[in-house]
């Protein structure tokens, strides 16, 4: 997963969170099988581009996704 800023004119800006694996998944689809990762960033952006990709195991029965993405912040 990676997260980038998106400006008001739809231009994609700085990378806030670089490509990597975040959190863990222990199998199955129950919420208790996911452990989150909290990542602090500083930005004035209010819109974000979230991308996901596979880097291994491309069998037809595999998938990639984001279980939870939450952005919270405070005005400067």
PDB file of N, CA and C in Angstrom:
ATOM      1  N   UNK A   1       0.838  -1.158   0.000  1.00  0.00           N
ATOM      2  CA  UNK A   1       0.000   0.000   0.000  1.00  0.00           C
ATOM      3  C   UNK A   1       0.888   1.227   0.000  1.00  0.00           C
ATOM      4  N   UNK A   2       0.416   2.290  -0.638  1.00  0.00           N
ATOM      5  CA  UNK A   2       1.061   3.587  -0.530  1.00  0.00           C
ATOM      6  C   UNK A   2      -0.033   4.648  -0.527  1.00  0.00           C
ATOM      7  N   UNK A   3       0.265   5.809   0.076  1.00  0.00           N
ATOM      8  CA  UNK A   3      -0.707   6.893   0.177  1.00  0.00           C
ATOM      9  C   UNK A   3      -0.035   8.180  -0.286  1.00  0.00           C
ATOM     10  N   UNK A   4      -0.727   8.897  -1.178  1.00  0.00           N
ATOM     11  CA  UNK A   4      -0.215  10.162  -1.697  1.00  0.00           C
ATOM     12  C   UNK A   4      -1.230  11.271  -1.462  1.00  0.00           C
ATOM     13  N   UNK A   5      -0.748  12.510  -1.390  1.00  0.00           N
ATOM     14  CA  UNK A   5      -1.629  13.672  -1.281  1.00  0.00           C
ATOM     15  C   UNK A   5      -2.301  13.916  -2.629  1.00  0.00           C
ATOM     16  N   UNK A   6      -3.523  14.442  -2.593  1.00  0.00           N
ATOM     17  CA  UNK A   6      -4.214  14.878  -3.810  1.00  0.00           C
ATOM     18  C   UNK A   6      -4.657  16.321  -3.583  1.00  0.00           C
ATOM     19  N   UNK A   7      -4.236  17.225  -4.488  1.00  0.00           N
ATOM     20  CA  UNK A   7      -4.550  18.640  -4.367  1.00  0.00           C
ATOM     21  C   UNK A   7      -5.974  18.929  -4.845  1.00  0.00           C
ATOM     22  N   UNK A   8      -6.430  20.137  -4.598  1.00  0.00           N
ATOM     23  CA  UNK A   8      -7.776  20.552  -5.000  1.00  0.00           C
ATOM     24  C   UNK A   8      -7.982  20.451  -6.507  1.00  0.00           C
ATOM     25  N   UNK A   9      -6.901  20.603  -7.293  1.00  0.00           N
ATOM     26  CA  UNK A   9      -7.008  20.504  -8.751  1.00  0.00           C
ATOM     27  C   UNK A   9      -6.813  19.070  -9.259  1.00  0.00           C
ATOM     28  N   UNK A  10      -6.883  18.103  -8.367  1.00  0.00           N
ATOM     29  CA  UNK A  10      -6.724  16.671  -8.655  1.00  0.00           C
ATOM     30  C   UNK A  10      -5.292  16.244  -8.961  1.00  0.00           C
ATOM     31  N   UNK A  11      -4.329  17.130  -8.796  1.00  0.00           N
ATOM     32  CA  UNK A  11      -2.929  16.764  -9.009  1.00  0.00           C
ATOM     33  C   UNK A  11      -2.452  15.905  -7.838  1.00  0.00           C
ATOM     34  N   UNK A  12      -1.777  14.819  -8.175  1.00  0.00           N
ATOM     35  CA  UNK A  12      -1.215  13.947  -7.141  1.00  0.00           C
ATOM     36  C   UNK A  12       0.100  14.560  -6.674  1.00  0.00           C
ATOM     37  N   UNK A  13       0.245  14.700  -5.377  1.00  0.00           N
ATOM     38  CA  UNK A  13       1.423  15.351  -4.810  1.00  0.00           C
ATOM     39  C   UNK A  13       2.355  14.397  -4.107  1.00  0.00           C
ATOM     40  N   UNK A  14       2.811  14.820  -2.959  1.00  0.00           N
ATOM     41  CA  UNK A  14       3.834  14.092  -2.203  1.00  0.00           C
ATOM     42  C   UNK A  14       3.337  12.730  -1.727  1.00  0.00           C
ATOM     43  N   UNK A  15       4.271  11.801  -1.644  1.00  0.00           N
ATOM     44  CA  UNK A  15       3.987  10.495  -1.052  1.00  0.00           C
ATOM     45  C   UNK A  15       4.038  10.644   0.458  1.00  0.00           C
ATOM     46  N   UNK A  16       2.935  10.314   1.112  1.00  0.00           N
ATOM     47  CA  UNK A  16       2.858  10.395   2.569  1.00  0.00           C
ATOM     48  C   UNK A  16       3.291   9.101   3.230  1.00  0.00           C
ATOM     49  N   UNK A  17       2.924   7.979   2.614  1.00  0.00           N
ATOM     50  CA  UNK A  17       3.280   6.659   3.125  1.00  0.00           C
ATOM     51  C   UNK A  17       3.810   5.852   1.941  1.00  0.00           C
ATOM     52  N   UNK A  18       5.078   5.472   2.006  1.00  0.00           N
ATOM     53  CA  UNK A  18       5.731   4.776   0.901  1.00  0.00           C
ATOM     54  C   UNK A  18       5.232   3.333   0.761  1.00  0.00           C
ATOM     55  N   UNK A  19       5.446   2.733  -0.428  1.00  0.00           N
ATOM     56  CA  UNK A  19       5.062   1.350  -0.675  1.00  0.00           C
ATOM     57  C   UNK A  19       5.645   0.442   0.400  1.00  0.00           C
ATOM     58  N   UNK A  20       4.766  -0.314   1.042  1.00  0.00           N
ATOM     59  CA  UNK A  20       5.189  -1.285   2.050  1.00  0.00           C
ATOM     60  C   UNK A  20       3.962  -2.053   2.514  1.00  0.00           C
ATOM     61  N   UNK A  21       4.159  -3.055   3.348  1.00  0.00           N
ATOM     62  CA  UNK A  21       3.064  -3.760   4.009  1.00  0.00           C
ATOM     63  C   UNK A  21       2.822  -3.084   5.346  1.00  0.00           C
ATOM     64  N   UNK A  22       1.557  -2.853   5.680  1.00  0.00           N
ATOM     65  CA  UNK A  22       1.214  -2.208   6.939  1.00  0.00           C
ATOM     66  C   UNK A  22       0.161  -3.042   7.640  1.00  0.00           C
ATOM     67  N   UNK A  23       0.315  -3.257   8.940  1.00  0.00           N
ATOM     68  CA  UNK A  23      -0.599  -4.106   9.675  1.00  0.00           C
ATOM     69  C   UNK A  23      -0.331  -5.565   9.356  1.00  0.00           C
ATOM     70  N   UNK A  24      -1.130  -6.443   9.956  1.00  0.00           N
ATOM     71  CA  UNK A  24      -0.991  -7.870   9.690  1.00  0.00           C
ATOM     72  C   UNK A  24      -2.354  -8.512   9.510  1.00  0.00           C
ATOM     73  N   UNK A  25      -2.355  -9.643   8.843  1.00  0.00           N
ATOM     74  CA  UNK A  25      -3.575 -10.417   8.597  1.00  0.00           C
ATOM     75  C   UNK A  25      -3.239 -11.865   8.874  1.00  0.00           C
ATOM     76  N   UNK A  26      -4.001 -12.502   9.742  1.00  0.00           N
ATOM     77  CA  UNK A  26      -3.690 -13.879  10.138  1.00  0.00           C
ATOM     78  C   UNK A  26      -4.564 -14.923   9.450  1.00  0.00           C
ATOM     79  N   UNK A  27      -5.330 -14.520   8.424  1.00  0.00           N
ATOM     80  CA  UNK A  27      -6.167 -15.459   7.688  1.00  0.00           C
ATOM     81  C   UNK A  27      -7.634 -15.281   8.016  1.00  0.00           C
ATOM     82  N   UNK A  28      -8.487 -15.578   7.075  1.00  0.00           N
ATOM     83  CA  UNK A  28      -9.918 -15.421   7.284  1.00  0.00           C
ATOM     84  C   UNK A  28     -10.346 -13.966   7.170  1.00  0.00           C
ATOM     85  N   UNK A  29     -11.649 -13.746   7.278  1.00  0.00           N
ATOM     86  CA  UNK A  29     -12.156 -12.387   7.070  1.00  0.00           C
ATOM     87  C   UNK A  29     -12.768 -11.765   8.322  1.00  0.00           C
ATOM     88  N   UNK A  30     -12.615 -12.394   9.466  1.00  0.00           N
ATOM     89  CA  UNK A  30     -13.138 -11.809  10.701  1.00  0.00           C
ATOM     90  C   UNK A  30     -12.300 -10.597  11.089  1.00  0.00           C
ATOM     91  N   UNK A  31     -12.926  -9.550  11.625  1.00  0.00           N
ATOM     92  CA  UNK A  31     -12.165  -8.375  12.055  1.00  0.00           C
ATOM     93  C   UNK A  31     -11.033  -8.711  13.027  1.00  0.00           C
ATOM     94  N   UNK A  32     -11.216  -9.714  13.853  1.00  0.00           N
ATOM     95  CA  UNK A  32     -10.182 -10.067  14.827  1.00  0.00           C
ATOM     96  C   UNK A  32      -8.925 -10.652  14.171  1.00  0.00           C
ATOM     97  N   UNK A  33      -8.987 -10.977  12.885  1.00  0.00           N
ATOM     98  CA  UNK A  33      -7.821 -11.512  12.179  1.00  0.00           C
ATOM     99  C   UNK A  33      -6.910 -10.421  11.623  1.00  0.00           C
ATOM    100  N   UNK A  34      -7.279  -9.168  11.829  1.00  0.00           N
ATOM    101  CA  UNK A  34      -6.490  -8.043  11.337  1.00  0.00           C
ATOM    102  C   UNK A  34      -5.898  -7.274  12.509  1.00  0.00           C
ATOM    103  N   UNK A  35      -4.640  -6.929  12.407  1.00  0.00           N
ATOM    104  CA  UNK A  35      -3.982  -6.073  13.384  1.00  0.00           C
ATOM    105  C   UNK A  35      -3.565  -4.808  12.660  1.00  0.00           C
ATOM    106  N   UNK A  36      -3.989  -3.661  13.162  1.00  0.00           N
ATOM    107  CA  UNK A  36      -3.739  -2.416  12.446  1.00  0.00           C
ATOM    108  C   UNK A  36      -2.345  -1.872  12.687  1.00  0.00           C
ATOM    109  N   UNK A  37      -1.972  -0.941  11.819  1.00  0.00           N
ATOM    110  CA  UNK A  37      -0.743  -0.170  11.979  1.00  0.00           C
ATOM    111  C   UNK A  37      -1.152   1.291  12.019  1.00  0.00           C
ATOM    112  N   UNK A  38      -0.594   2.049  12.938  1.00  0.00           N
ATOM    113  CA  UNK A  38      -0.843   3.479  13.022  1.00  0.00           C
ATOM    114  C   UNK A  38       0.388   4.195  12.502  1.00  0.00           C
ATOM    115  N   UNK A  39       0.177   5.092  11.541  1.00  0.00           N
ATOM    116  CA  UNK A  39       1.288   5.792  10.905  1.00  0.00           C
ATOM    117  C   UNK A  39       1.010   7.287  10.978  1.00  0.00           C
ATOM    118  N   UNK A  40       1.863   8.024  11.637  1.00  0.00           N
ATOM    119  CA  UNK A  40       1.682   9.468  11.777  1.00  0.00           C
ATOM    120  C   UNK A  40       2.350  10.196  10.610  1.00  0.00           C
ATOM    121  N   UNK A  41       1.640  11.134  10.012  1.00  0.00           N
ATOM    122  CA  UNK A  41       2.196  11.975   8.954  1.00  0.00           C
ATOM    123  C   UNK A  41       1.761  13.416   9.205  1.00  0.00           C
ATOM    124  N   UNK A  42       2.501  14.341   8.624  1.00  0.00           N
ATOM    125  CA  UNK A  42       2.117  15.745   8.673  1.00  0.00           C
ATOM    126  C   UNK A  42       1.833  16.208   7.256  1.00  0.00           C
ATOM    127  N   UNK A  43       0.634  16.765   7.046  1.00  0.00           N
ATOM    128  CA  UNK A  43       0.234  17.242   5.728  1.00  0.00           C
ATOM    129  C   UNK A  43      -0.909  18.237   5.883  1.00  0.00           C
ATOM    130  N   UNK A  44      -1.084  19.073   4.882  1.00  0.00           N
ATOM    131  CA  UNK A  44      -2.247  19.958   4.849  1.00  0.00           C
ATOM    132  C   UNK A  44      -3.308  19.395   3.909  1.00  0.00           C
ATOM    133  N   UNK A  45      -3.043  18.257   3.308  1.00  0.00           N
ATOM    134  CA  UNK A  45      -3.979  17.644   2.360  1.00  0.00           C
ATOM    135  C   UNK A  45      -5.253  17.191   3.060  1.00  0.00           C
ATOM    136  N   UNK A  46      -6.356  17.249   2.322  1.00  0.00           N
ATOM    137  CA  UNK A  46      -7.626  16.725   2.816  1.00  0.00           C
ATOM    138  C   UNK A  46      -8.150  15.616   1.913  1.00  0.00           C
ATOM    139  N   UNK A  47      -7.406  15.332   0.828  1.00  0.00           N
ATOM    140  CA  UNK A  47      -7.761  14.227  -0.078  1.00  0.00           C
ATOM    141  C   UNK A  47      -6.522  13.383  -0.314  1.00  0.00           C
ATOM    142  N   UNK A  48      -6.745  12.081  -0.481  1.00  0.00           N
ATOM    143  CA  UNK A  48      -5.626  11.158  -0.573  1.00  0.00           C
ATOM    144  C   UNK A  48      -5.862  10.120  -1.666  1.00  0.00           C
ATOM    145  N   UNK A  49      -4.789   9.656  -2.266  1.00  0.00           N
ATOM    146  CA  UNK A  49      -4.821   8.542  -3.220  1.00  0.00           C
ATOM    147  C   UNK A  49      -4.213   7.341  -2.503  1.00  0.00           C
ATOM    148  N   UNK A  50      -5.006   6.274  -2.368  1.00  0.00           N
ATOM    149  CA  UNK A  50      -4.558   5.049  -1.701  1.00  0.00           C
ATOM    150  C   UNK A  50      -4.406   3.973  -2.774  1.00  0.00           C
ATOM    151  N   UNK A  51      -3.214   3.404  -2.896  1.00  0.00           N
ATOM    152  CA  UNK A  51      -2.939   2.379  -3.909  1.00  0.00           C
ATOM    153  C   UNK A  51      -2.551   1.069  -3.234  1.00  0.00           C
ATOM    154  N   UNK A  52      -2.960  -0.026  -3.846  1.00  0.00           N
ATOM    155  CA  UNK A  52      -2.560  -1.348  -3.371  1.00  0.00           C
ATOM    156  C   UNK A  52      -2.046  -2.154  -4.551  1.00  0.00           C
ATOM    157  N   UNK A  53      -1.239  -3.153  -4.286  1.00  0.00           N
ATOM    158  CA  UNK A  53      -0.719  -4.023  -5.345  1.00  0.00           C
ATOM    159  C   UNK A  53      -0.267  -5.348  -4.753  1.00  0.00           C
ATOM    160  N   UNK A  54      -0.195  -6.339  -5.631  1.00  0.00           N
ATOM    161  CA  UNK A  54       0.383  -7.630  -5.278  1.00  0.00           C
ATOM    162  C   UNK A  54       1.856  -7.594  -5.627  1.00  0.00           C
ATOM    163  N   UNK A  55       2.667  -8.209  -4.811  1.00  0.00           N
ATOM    164  CA  UNK A  55       4.081  -8.332  -5.146  1.00  0.00           C
ATOM    165  C   UNK A  55       4.519  -9.786  -5.212  1.00  0.00           C
ATOM    166  N   UNK A  56       3.606 -10.701  -4.871  1.00  0.00           N
ATOM    167  CA  UNK A  56       3.926 -12.126  -4.915  1.00  0.00           C
ATOM    168  C   UNK A  56       2.635 -12.935  -4.925  1.00  0.00           C
ATOM    169  N   UNK A  57       2.727 -14.220  -5.186  1.00  0.00           N
ATOM    170  CA  UNK A  57       1.596 -15.152  -5.137  1.00  0.00           C
ATOM    171  C   UNK A  57       0.408 -14.657  -5.952  1.00  0.00           C
ATOM    172  N   UNK A  58       0.516 -14.712  -7.261  1.00  0.00           N
ATOM    173  CA  UNK A  58      -0.527 -14.184  -8.142  1.00  0.00           C
ATOM    174  C   UNK A  58      -1.491 -15.251  -8.638  1.00  0.00           C
ATOM    175  N   UNK A  59      -1.743 -16.288  -7.838  1.00  0.00           N
ATOM    176  CA  UNK A  59      -2.727 -17.299  -8.207  1.00  0.00           C
ATOM    177  C   UNK A  59      -4.105 -16.655  -8.296  1.00  0.00           C
ATOM    178  N   UNK A  60      -5.020 -17.223  -9.073  1.00  0.00           N
ATOM    179  CA  UNK A  60      -6.351 -16.626  -9.238  1.00  0.00           C
ATOM    180  C   UNK A  60      -7.151 -16.492  -7.943  1.00  0.00           C
ATOM    181  N   UNK A  61      -6.844 -17.285  -6.915  1.00  0.00           N
ATOM    182  CA  UNK A  61      -7.626 -17.222  -5.683  1.00  0.00           C
ATOM    183  C   UNK A  61      -7.021 -16.291  -4.623  1.00  0.00           C
ATOM    184  N   UNK A  62      -6.052 -15.462  -5.007  1.00  0.00           N
ATOM    185  CA  UNK A  62      -5.473 -14.518  -4.057  1.00  0.00           C
ATOM    186  C   UNK A  62      -6.025 -13.119  -4.313  1.00  0.00           C
ATOM    187  N   UNK A  63      -5.902 -12.271  -3.339  1.00  0.00           N
ATOM    188  CA  UNK A  63      -6.419 -10.919  -3.483  1.00  0.00           C
ATOM    189  C   UNK A  63      -5.576  -9.948  -2.673  1.00  0.00           C
ATOM    190  N   UNK A  64      -5.741  -8.678  -2.978  1.00  0.00           N
ATOM    191  CA  UNK A  64      -5.087  -7.617  -2.214  1.00  0.00           C
ATOM    192  C   UNK A  64      -6.155  -6.619  -1.823  1.00  0.00           C
ATOM    193  N   UNK A  65      -5.964  -5.944  -0.715  1.00  0.00           N
ATOM    194  CA  UNK A  65      -6.958  -4.963  -0.310  1.00  0.00           C
ATOM    195  C   UNK A  65      -6.518  -4.181   0.907  1.00  0.00           C
ATOM    196  N   UNK A  66      -7.343  -3.227   1.249  1.00  0.00           N
ATOM    197  CA  UNK A  66      -7.143  -2.429   2.451  1.00  0.00           C
ATOM    198  C   UNK A  66      -8.337  -2.700   3.350  1.00  0.00           C
ATOM    199  N   UNK A  67      -8.094  -3.261   4.511  1.00  0.00           N
ATOM    200  CA  UNK A  67      -9.188  -3.583   5.414  1.00  0.00           C
ATOM    201  C   UNK A  67      -9.743  -2.324   6.072  1.00  0.00           C
ATOM    202  N   UNK A  68      -8.870  -1.447   6.505  1.00  0.00           N
ATOM    203  CA  UNK A  68      -9.288  -0.226   7.190  1.00  0.00           C
ATOM    204  C   UNK A  68      -8.336   0.898   6.792  1.00  0.00           C
ATOM    205  N   UNK A  69      -8.885   2.058   6.437  1.00  0.00           N
ATOM    206  CA  UNK A  69      -8.075   3.257   6.232  1.00  0.00           C
ATOM    207  C   UNK A  69      -8.822   4.405   6.887  1.00  0.00           C
ATOM    208  N   UNK A  70      -8.192   5.016   7.848  1.00  0.00           N
ATOM    209  CA  UNK A  70      -8.832   6.134   8.532  1.00  0.00           C
ATOM    210  C   UNK A  70      -7.827   7.273   8.628  1.00  0.00           C
ATOM    211  N   UNK A  71      -8.245   8.451   8.191  1.00  0.00           N
ATOM    212  CA  UNK A  71      -7.405   9.641   8.306  1.00  0.00           C
ATOM    213  C   UNK A  71      -8.072  10.600   9.291  1.00  0.00           C
ATOM    214  N   UNK A  72      -7.346  10.996  10.292  1.00  0.00           N
ATOM    215  CA  UNK A  72      -7.869  11.966  11.254  1.00  0.00           C
ATOM    216  C   UNK A  72      -6.835  13.076  11.398  1.00  0.00           C
ATOM    217  N   UNK A  73      -7.284  14.220  11.771  1.00  0.00           N
ATOM    218  CA  UNK A  73      -6.340  15.316  11.923  1.00  0.00           C
ATOM    219  C   UNK A  73      -6.951  16.507  12.618  1.00  0.00           C
ATOM    220  N   UNK A  74      -6.142  17.518  12.761  1.00  0.00           N
ATOM    221  CA  UNK A  74      -6.586  18.766  13.370  1.00  0.00           C
ATOM    222  C   UNK A  74      -6.149  19.914  12.484  1.00  0.00           C
ATOM    223  N   UNK A  75      -6.960  20.964  12.454  1.00  0.00           N
ATOM    224  CA  UNK A  75      -6.638  22.136  11.655  1.00  0.00           C
ATOM    225  C   UNK A  75      -5.456  22.875  12.283  1.00  0.00           C
ATOM    226  N   UNK A  76      -4.584  23.413  11.442  1.00  0.00           N
ATOM    227  CA  UNK A  76      -3.411  24.145  11.980  1.00  0.00           C
ATOM    228  C   UNK A  76      -3.824  25.432  12.676  1.00  0.00           C
TER     229      UNK A  76
END
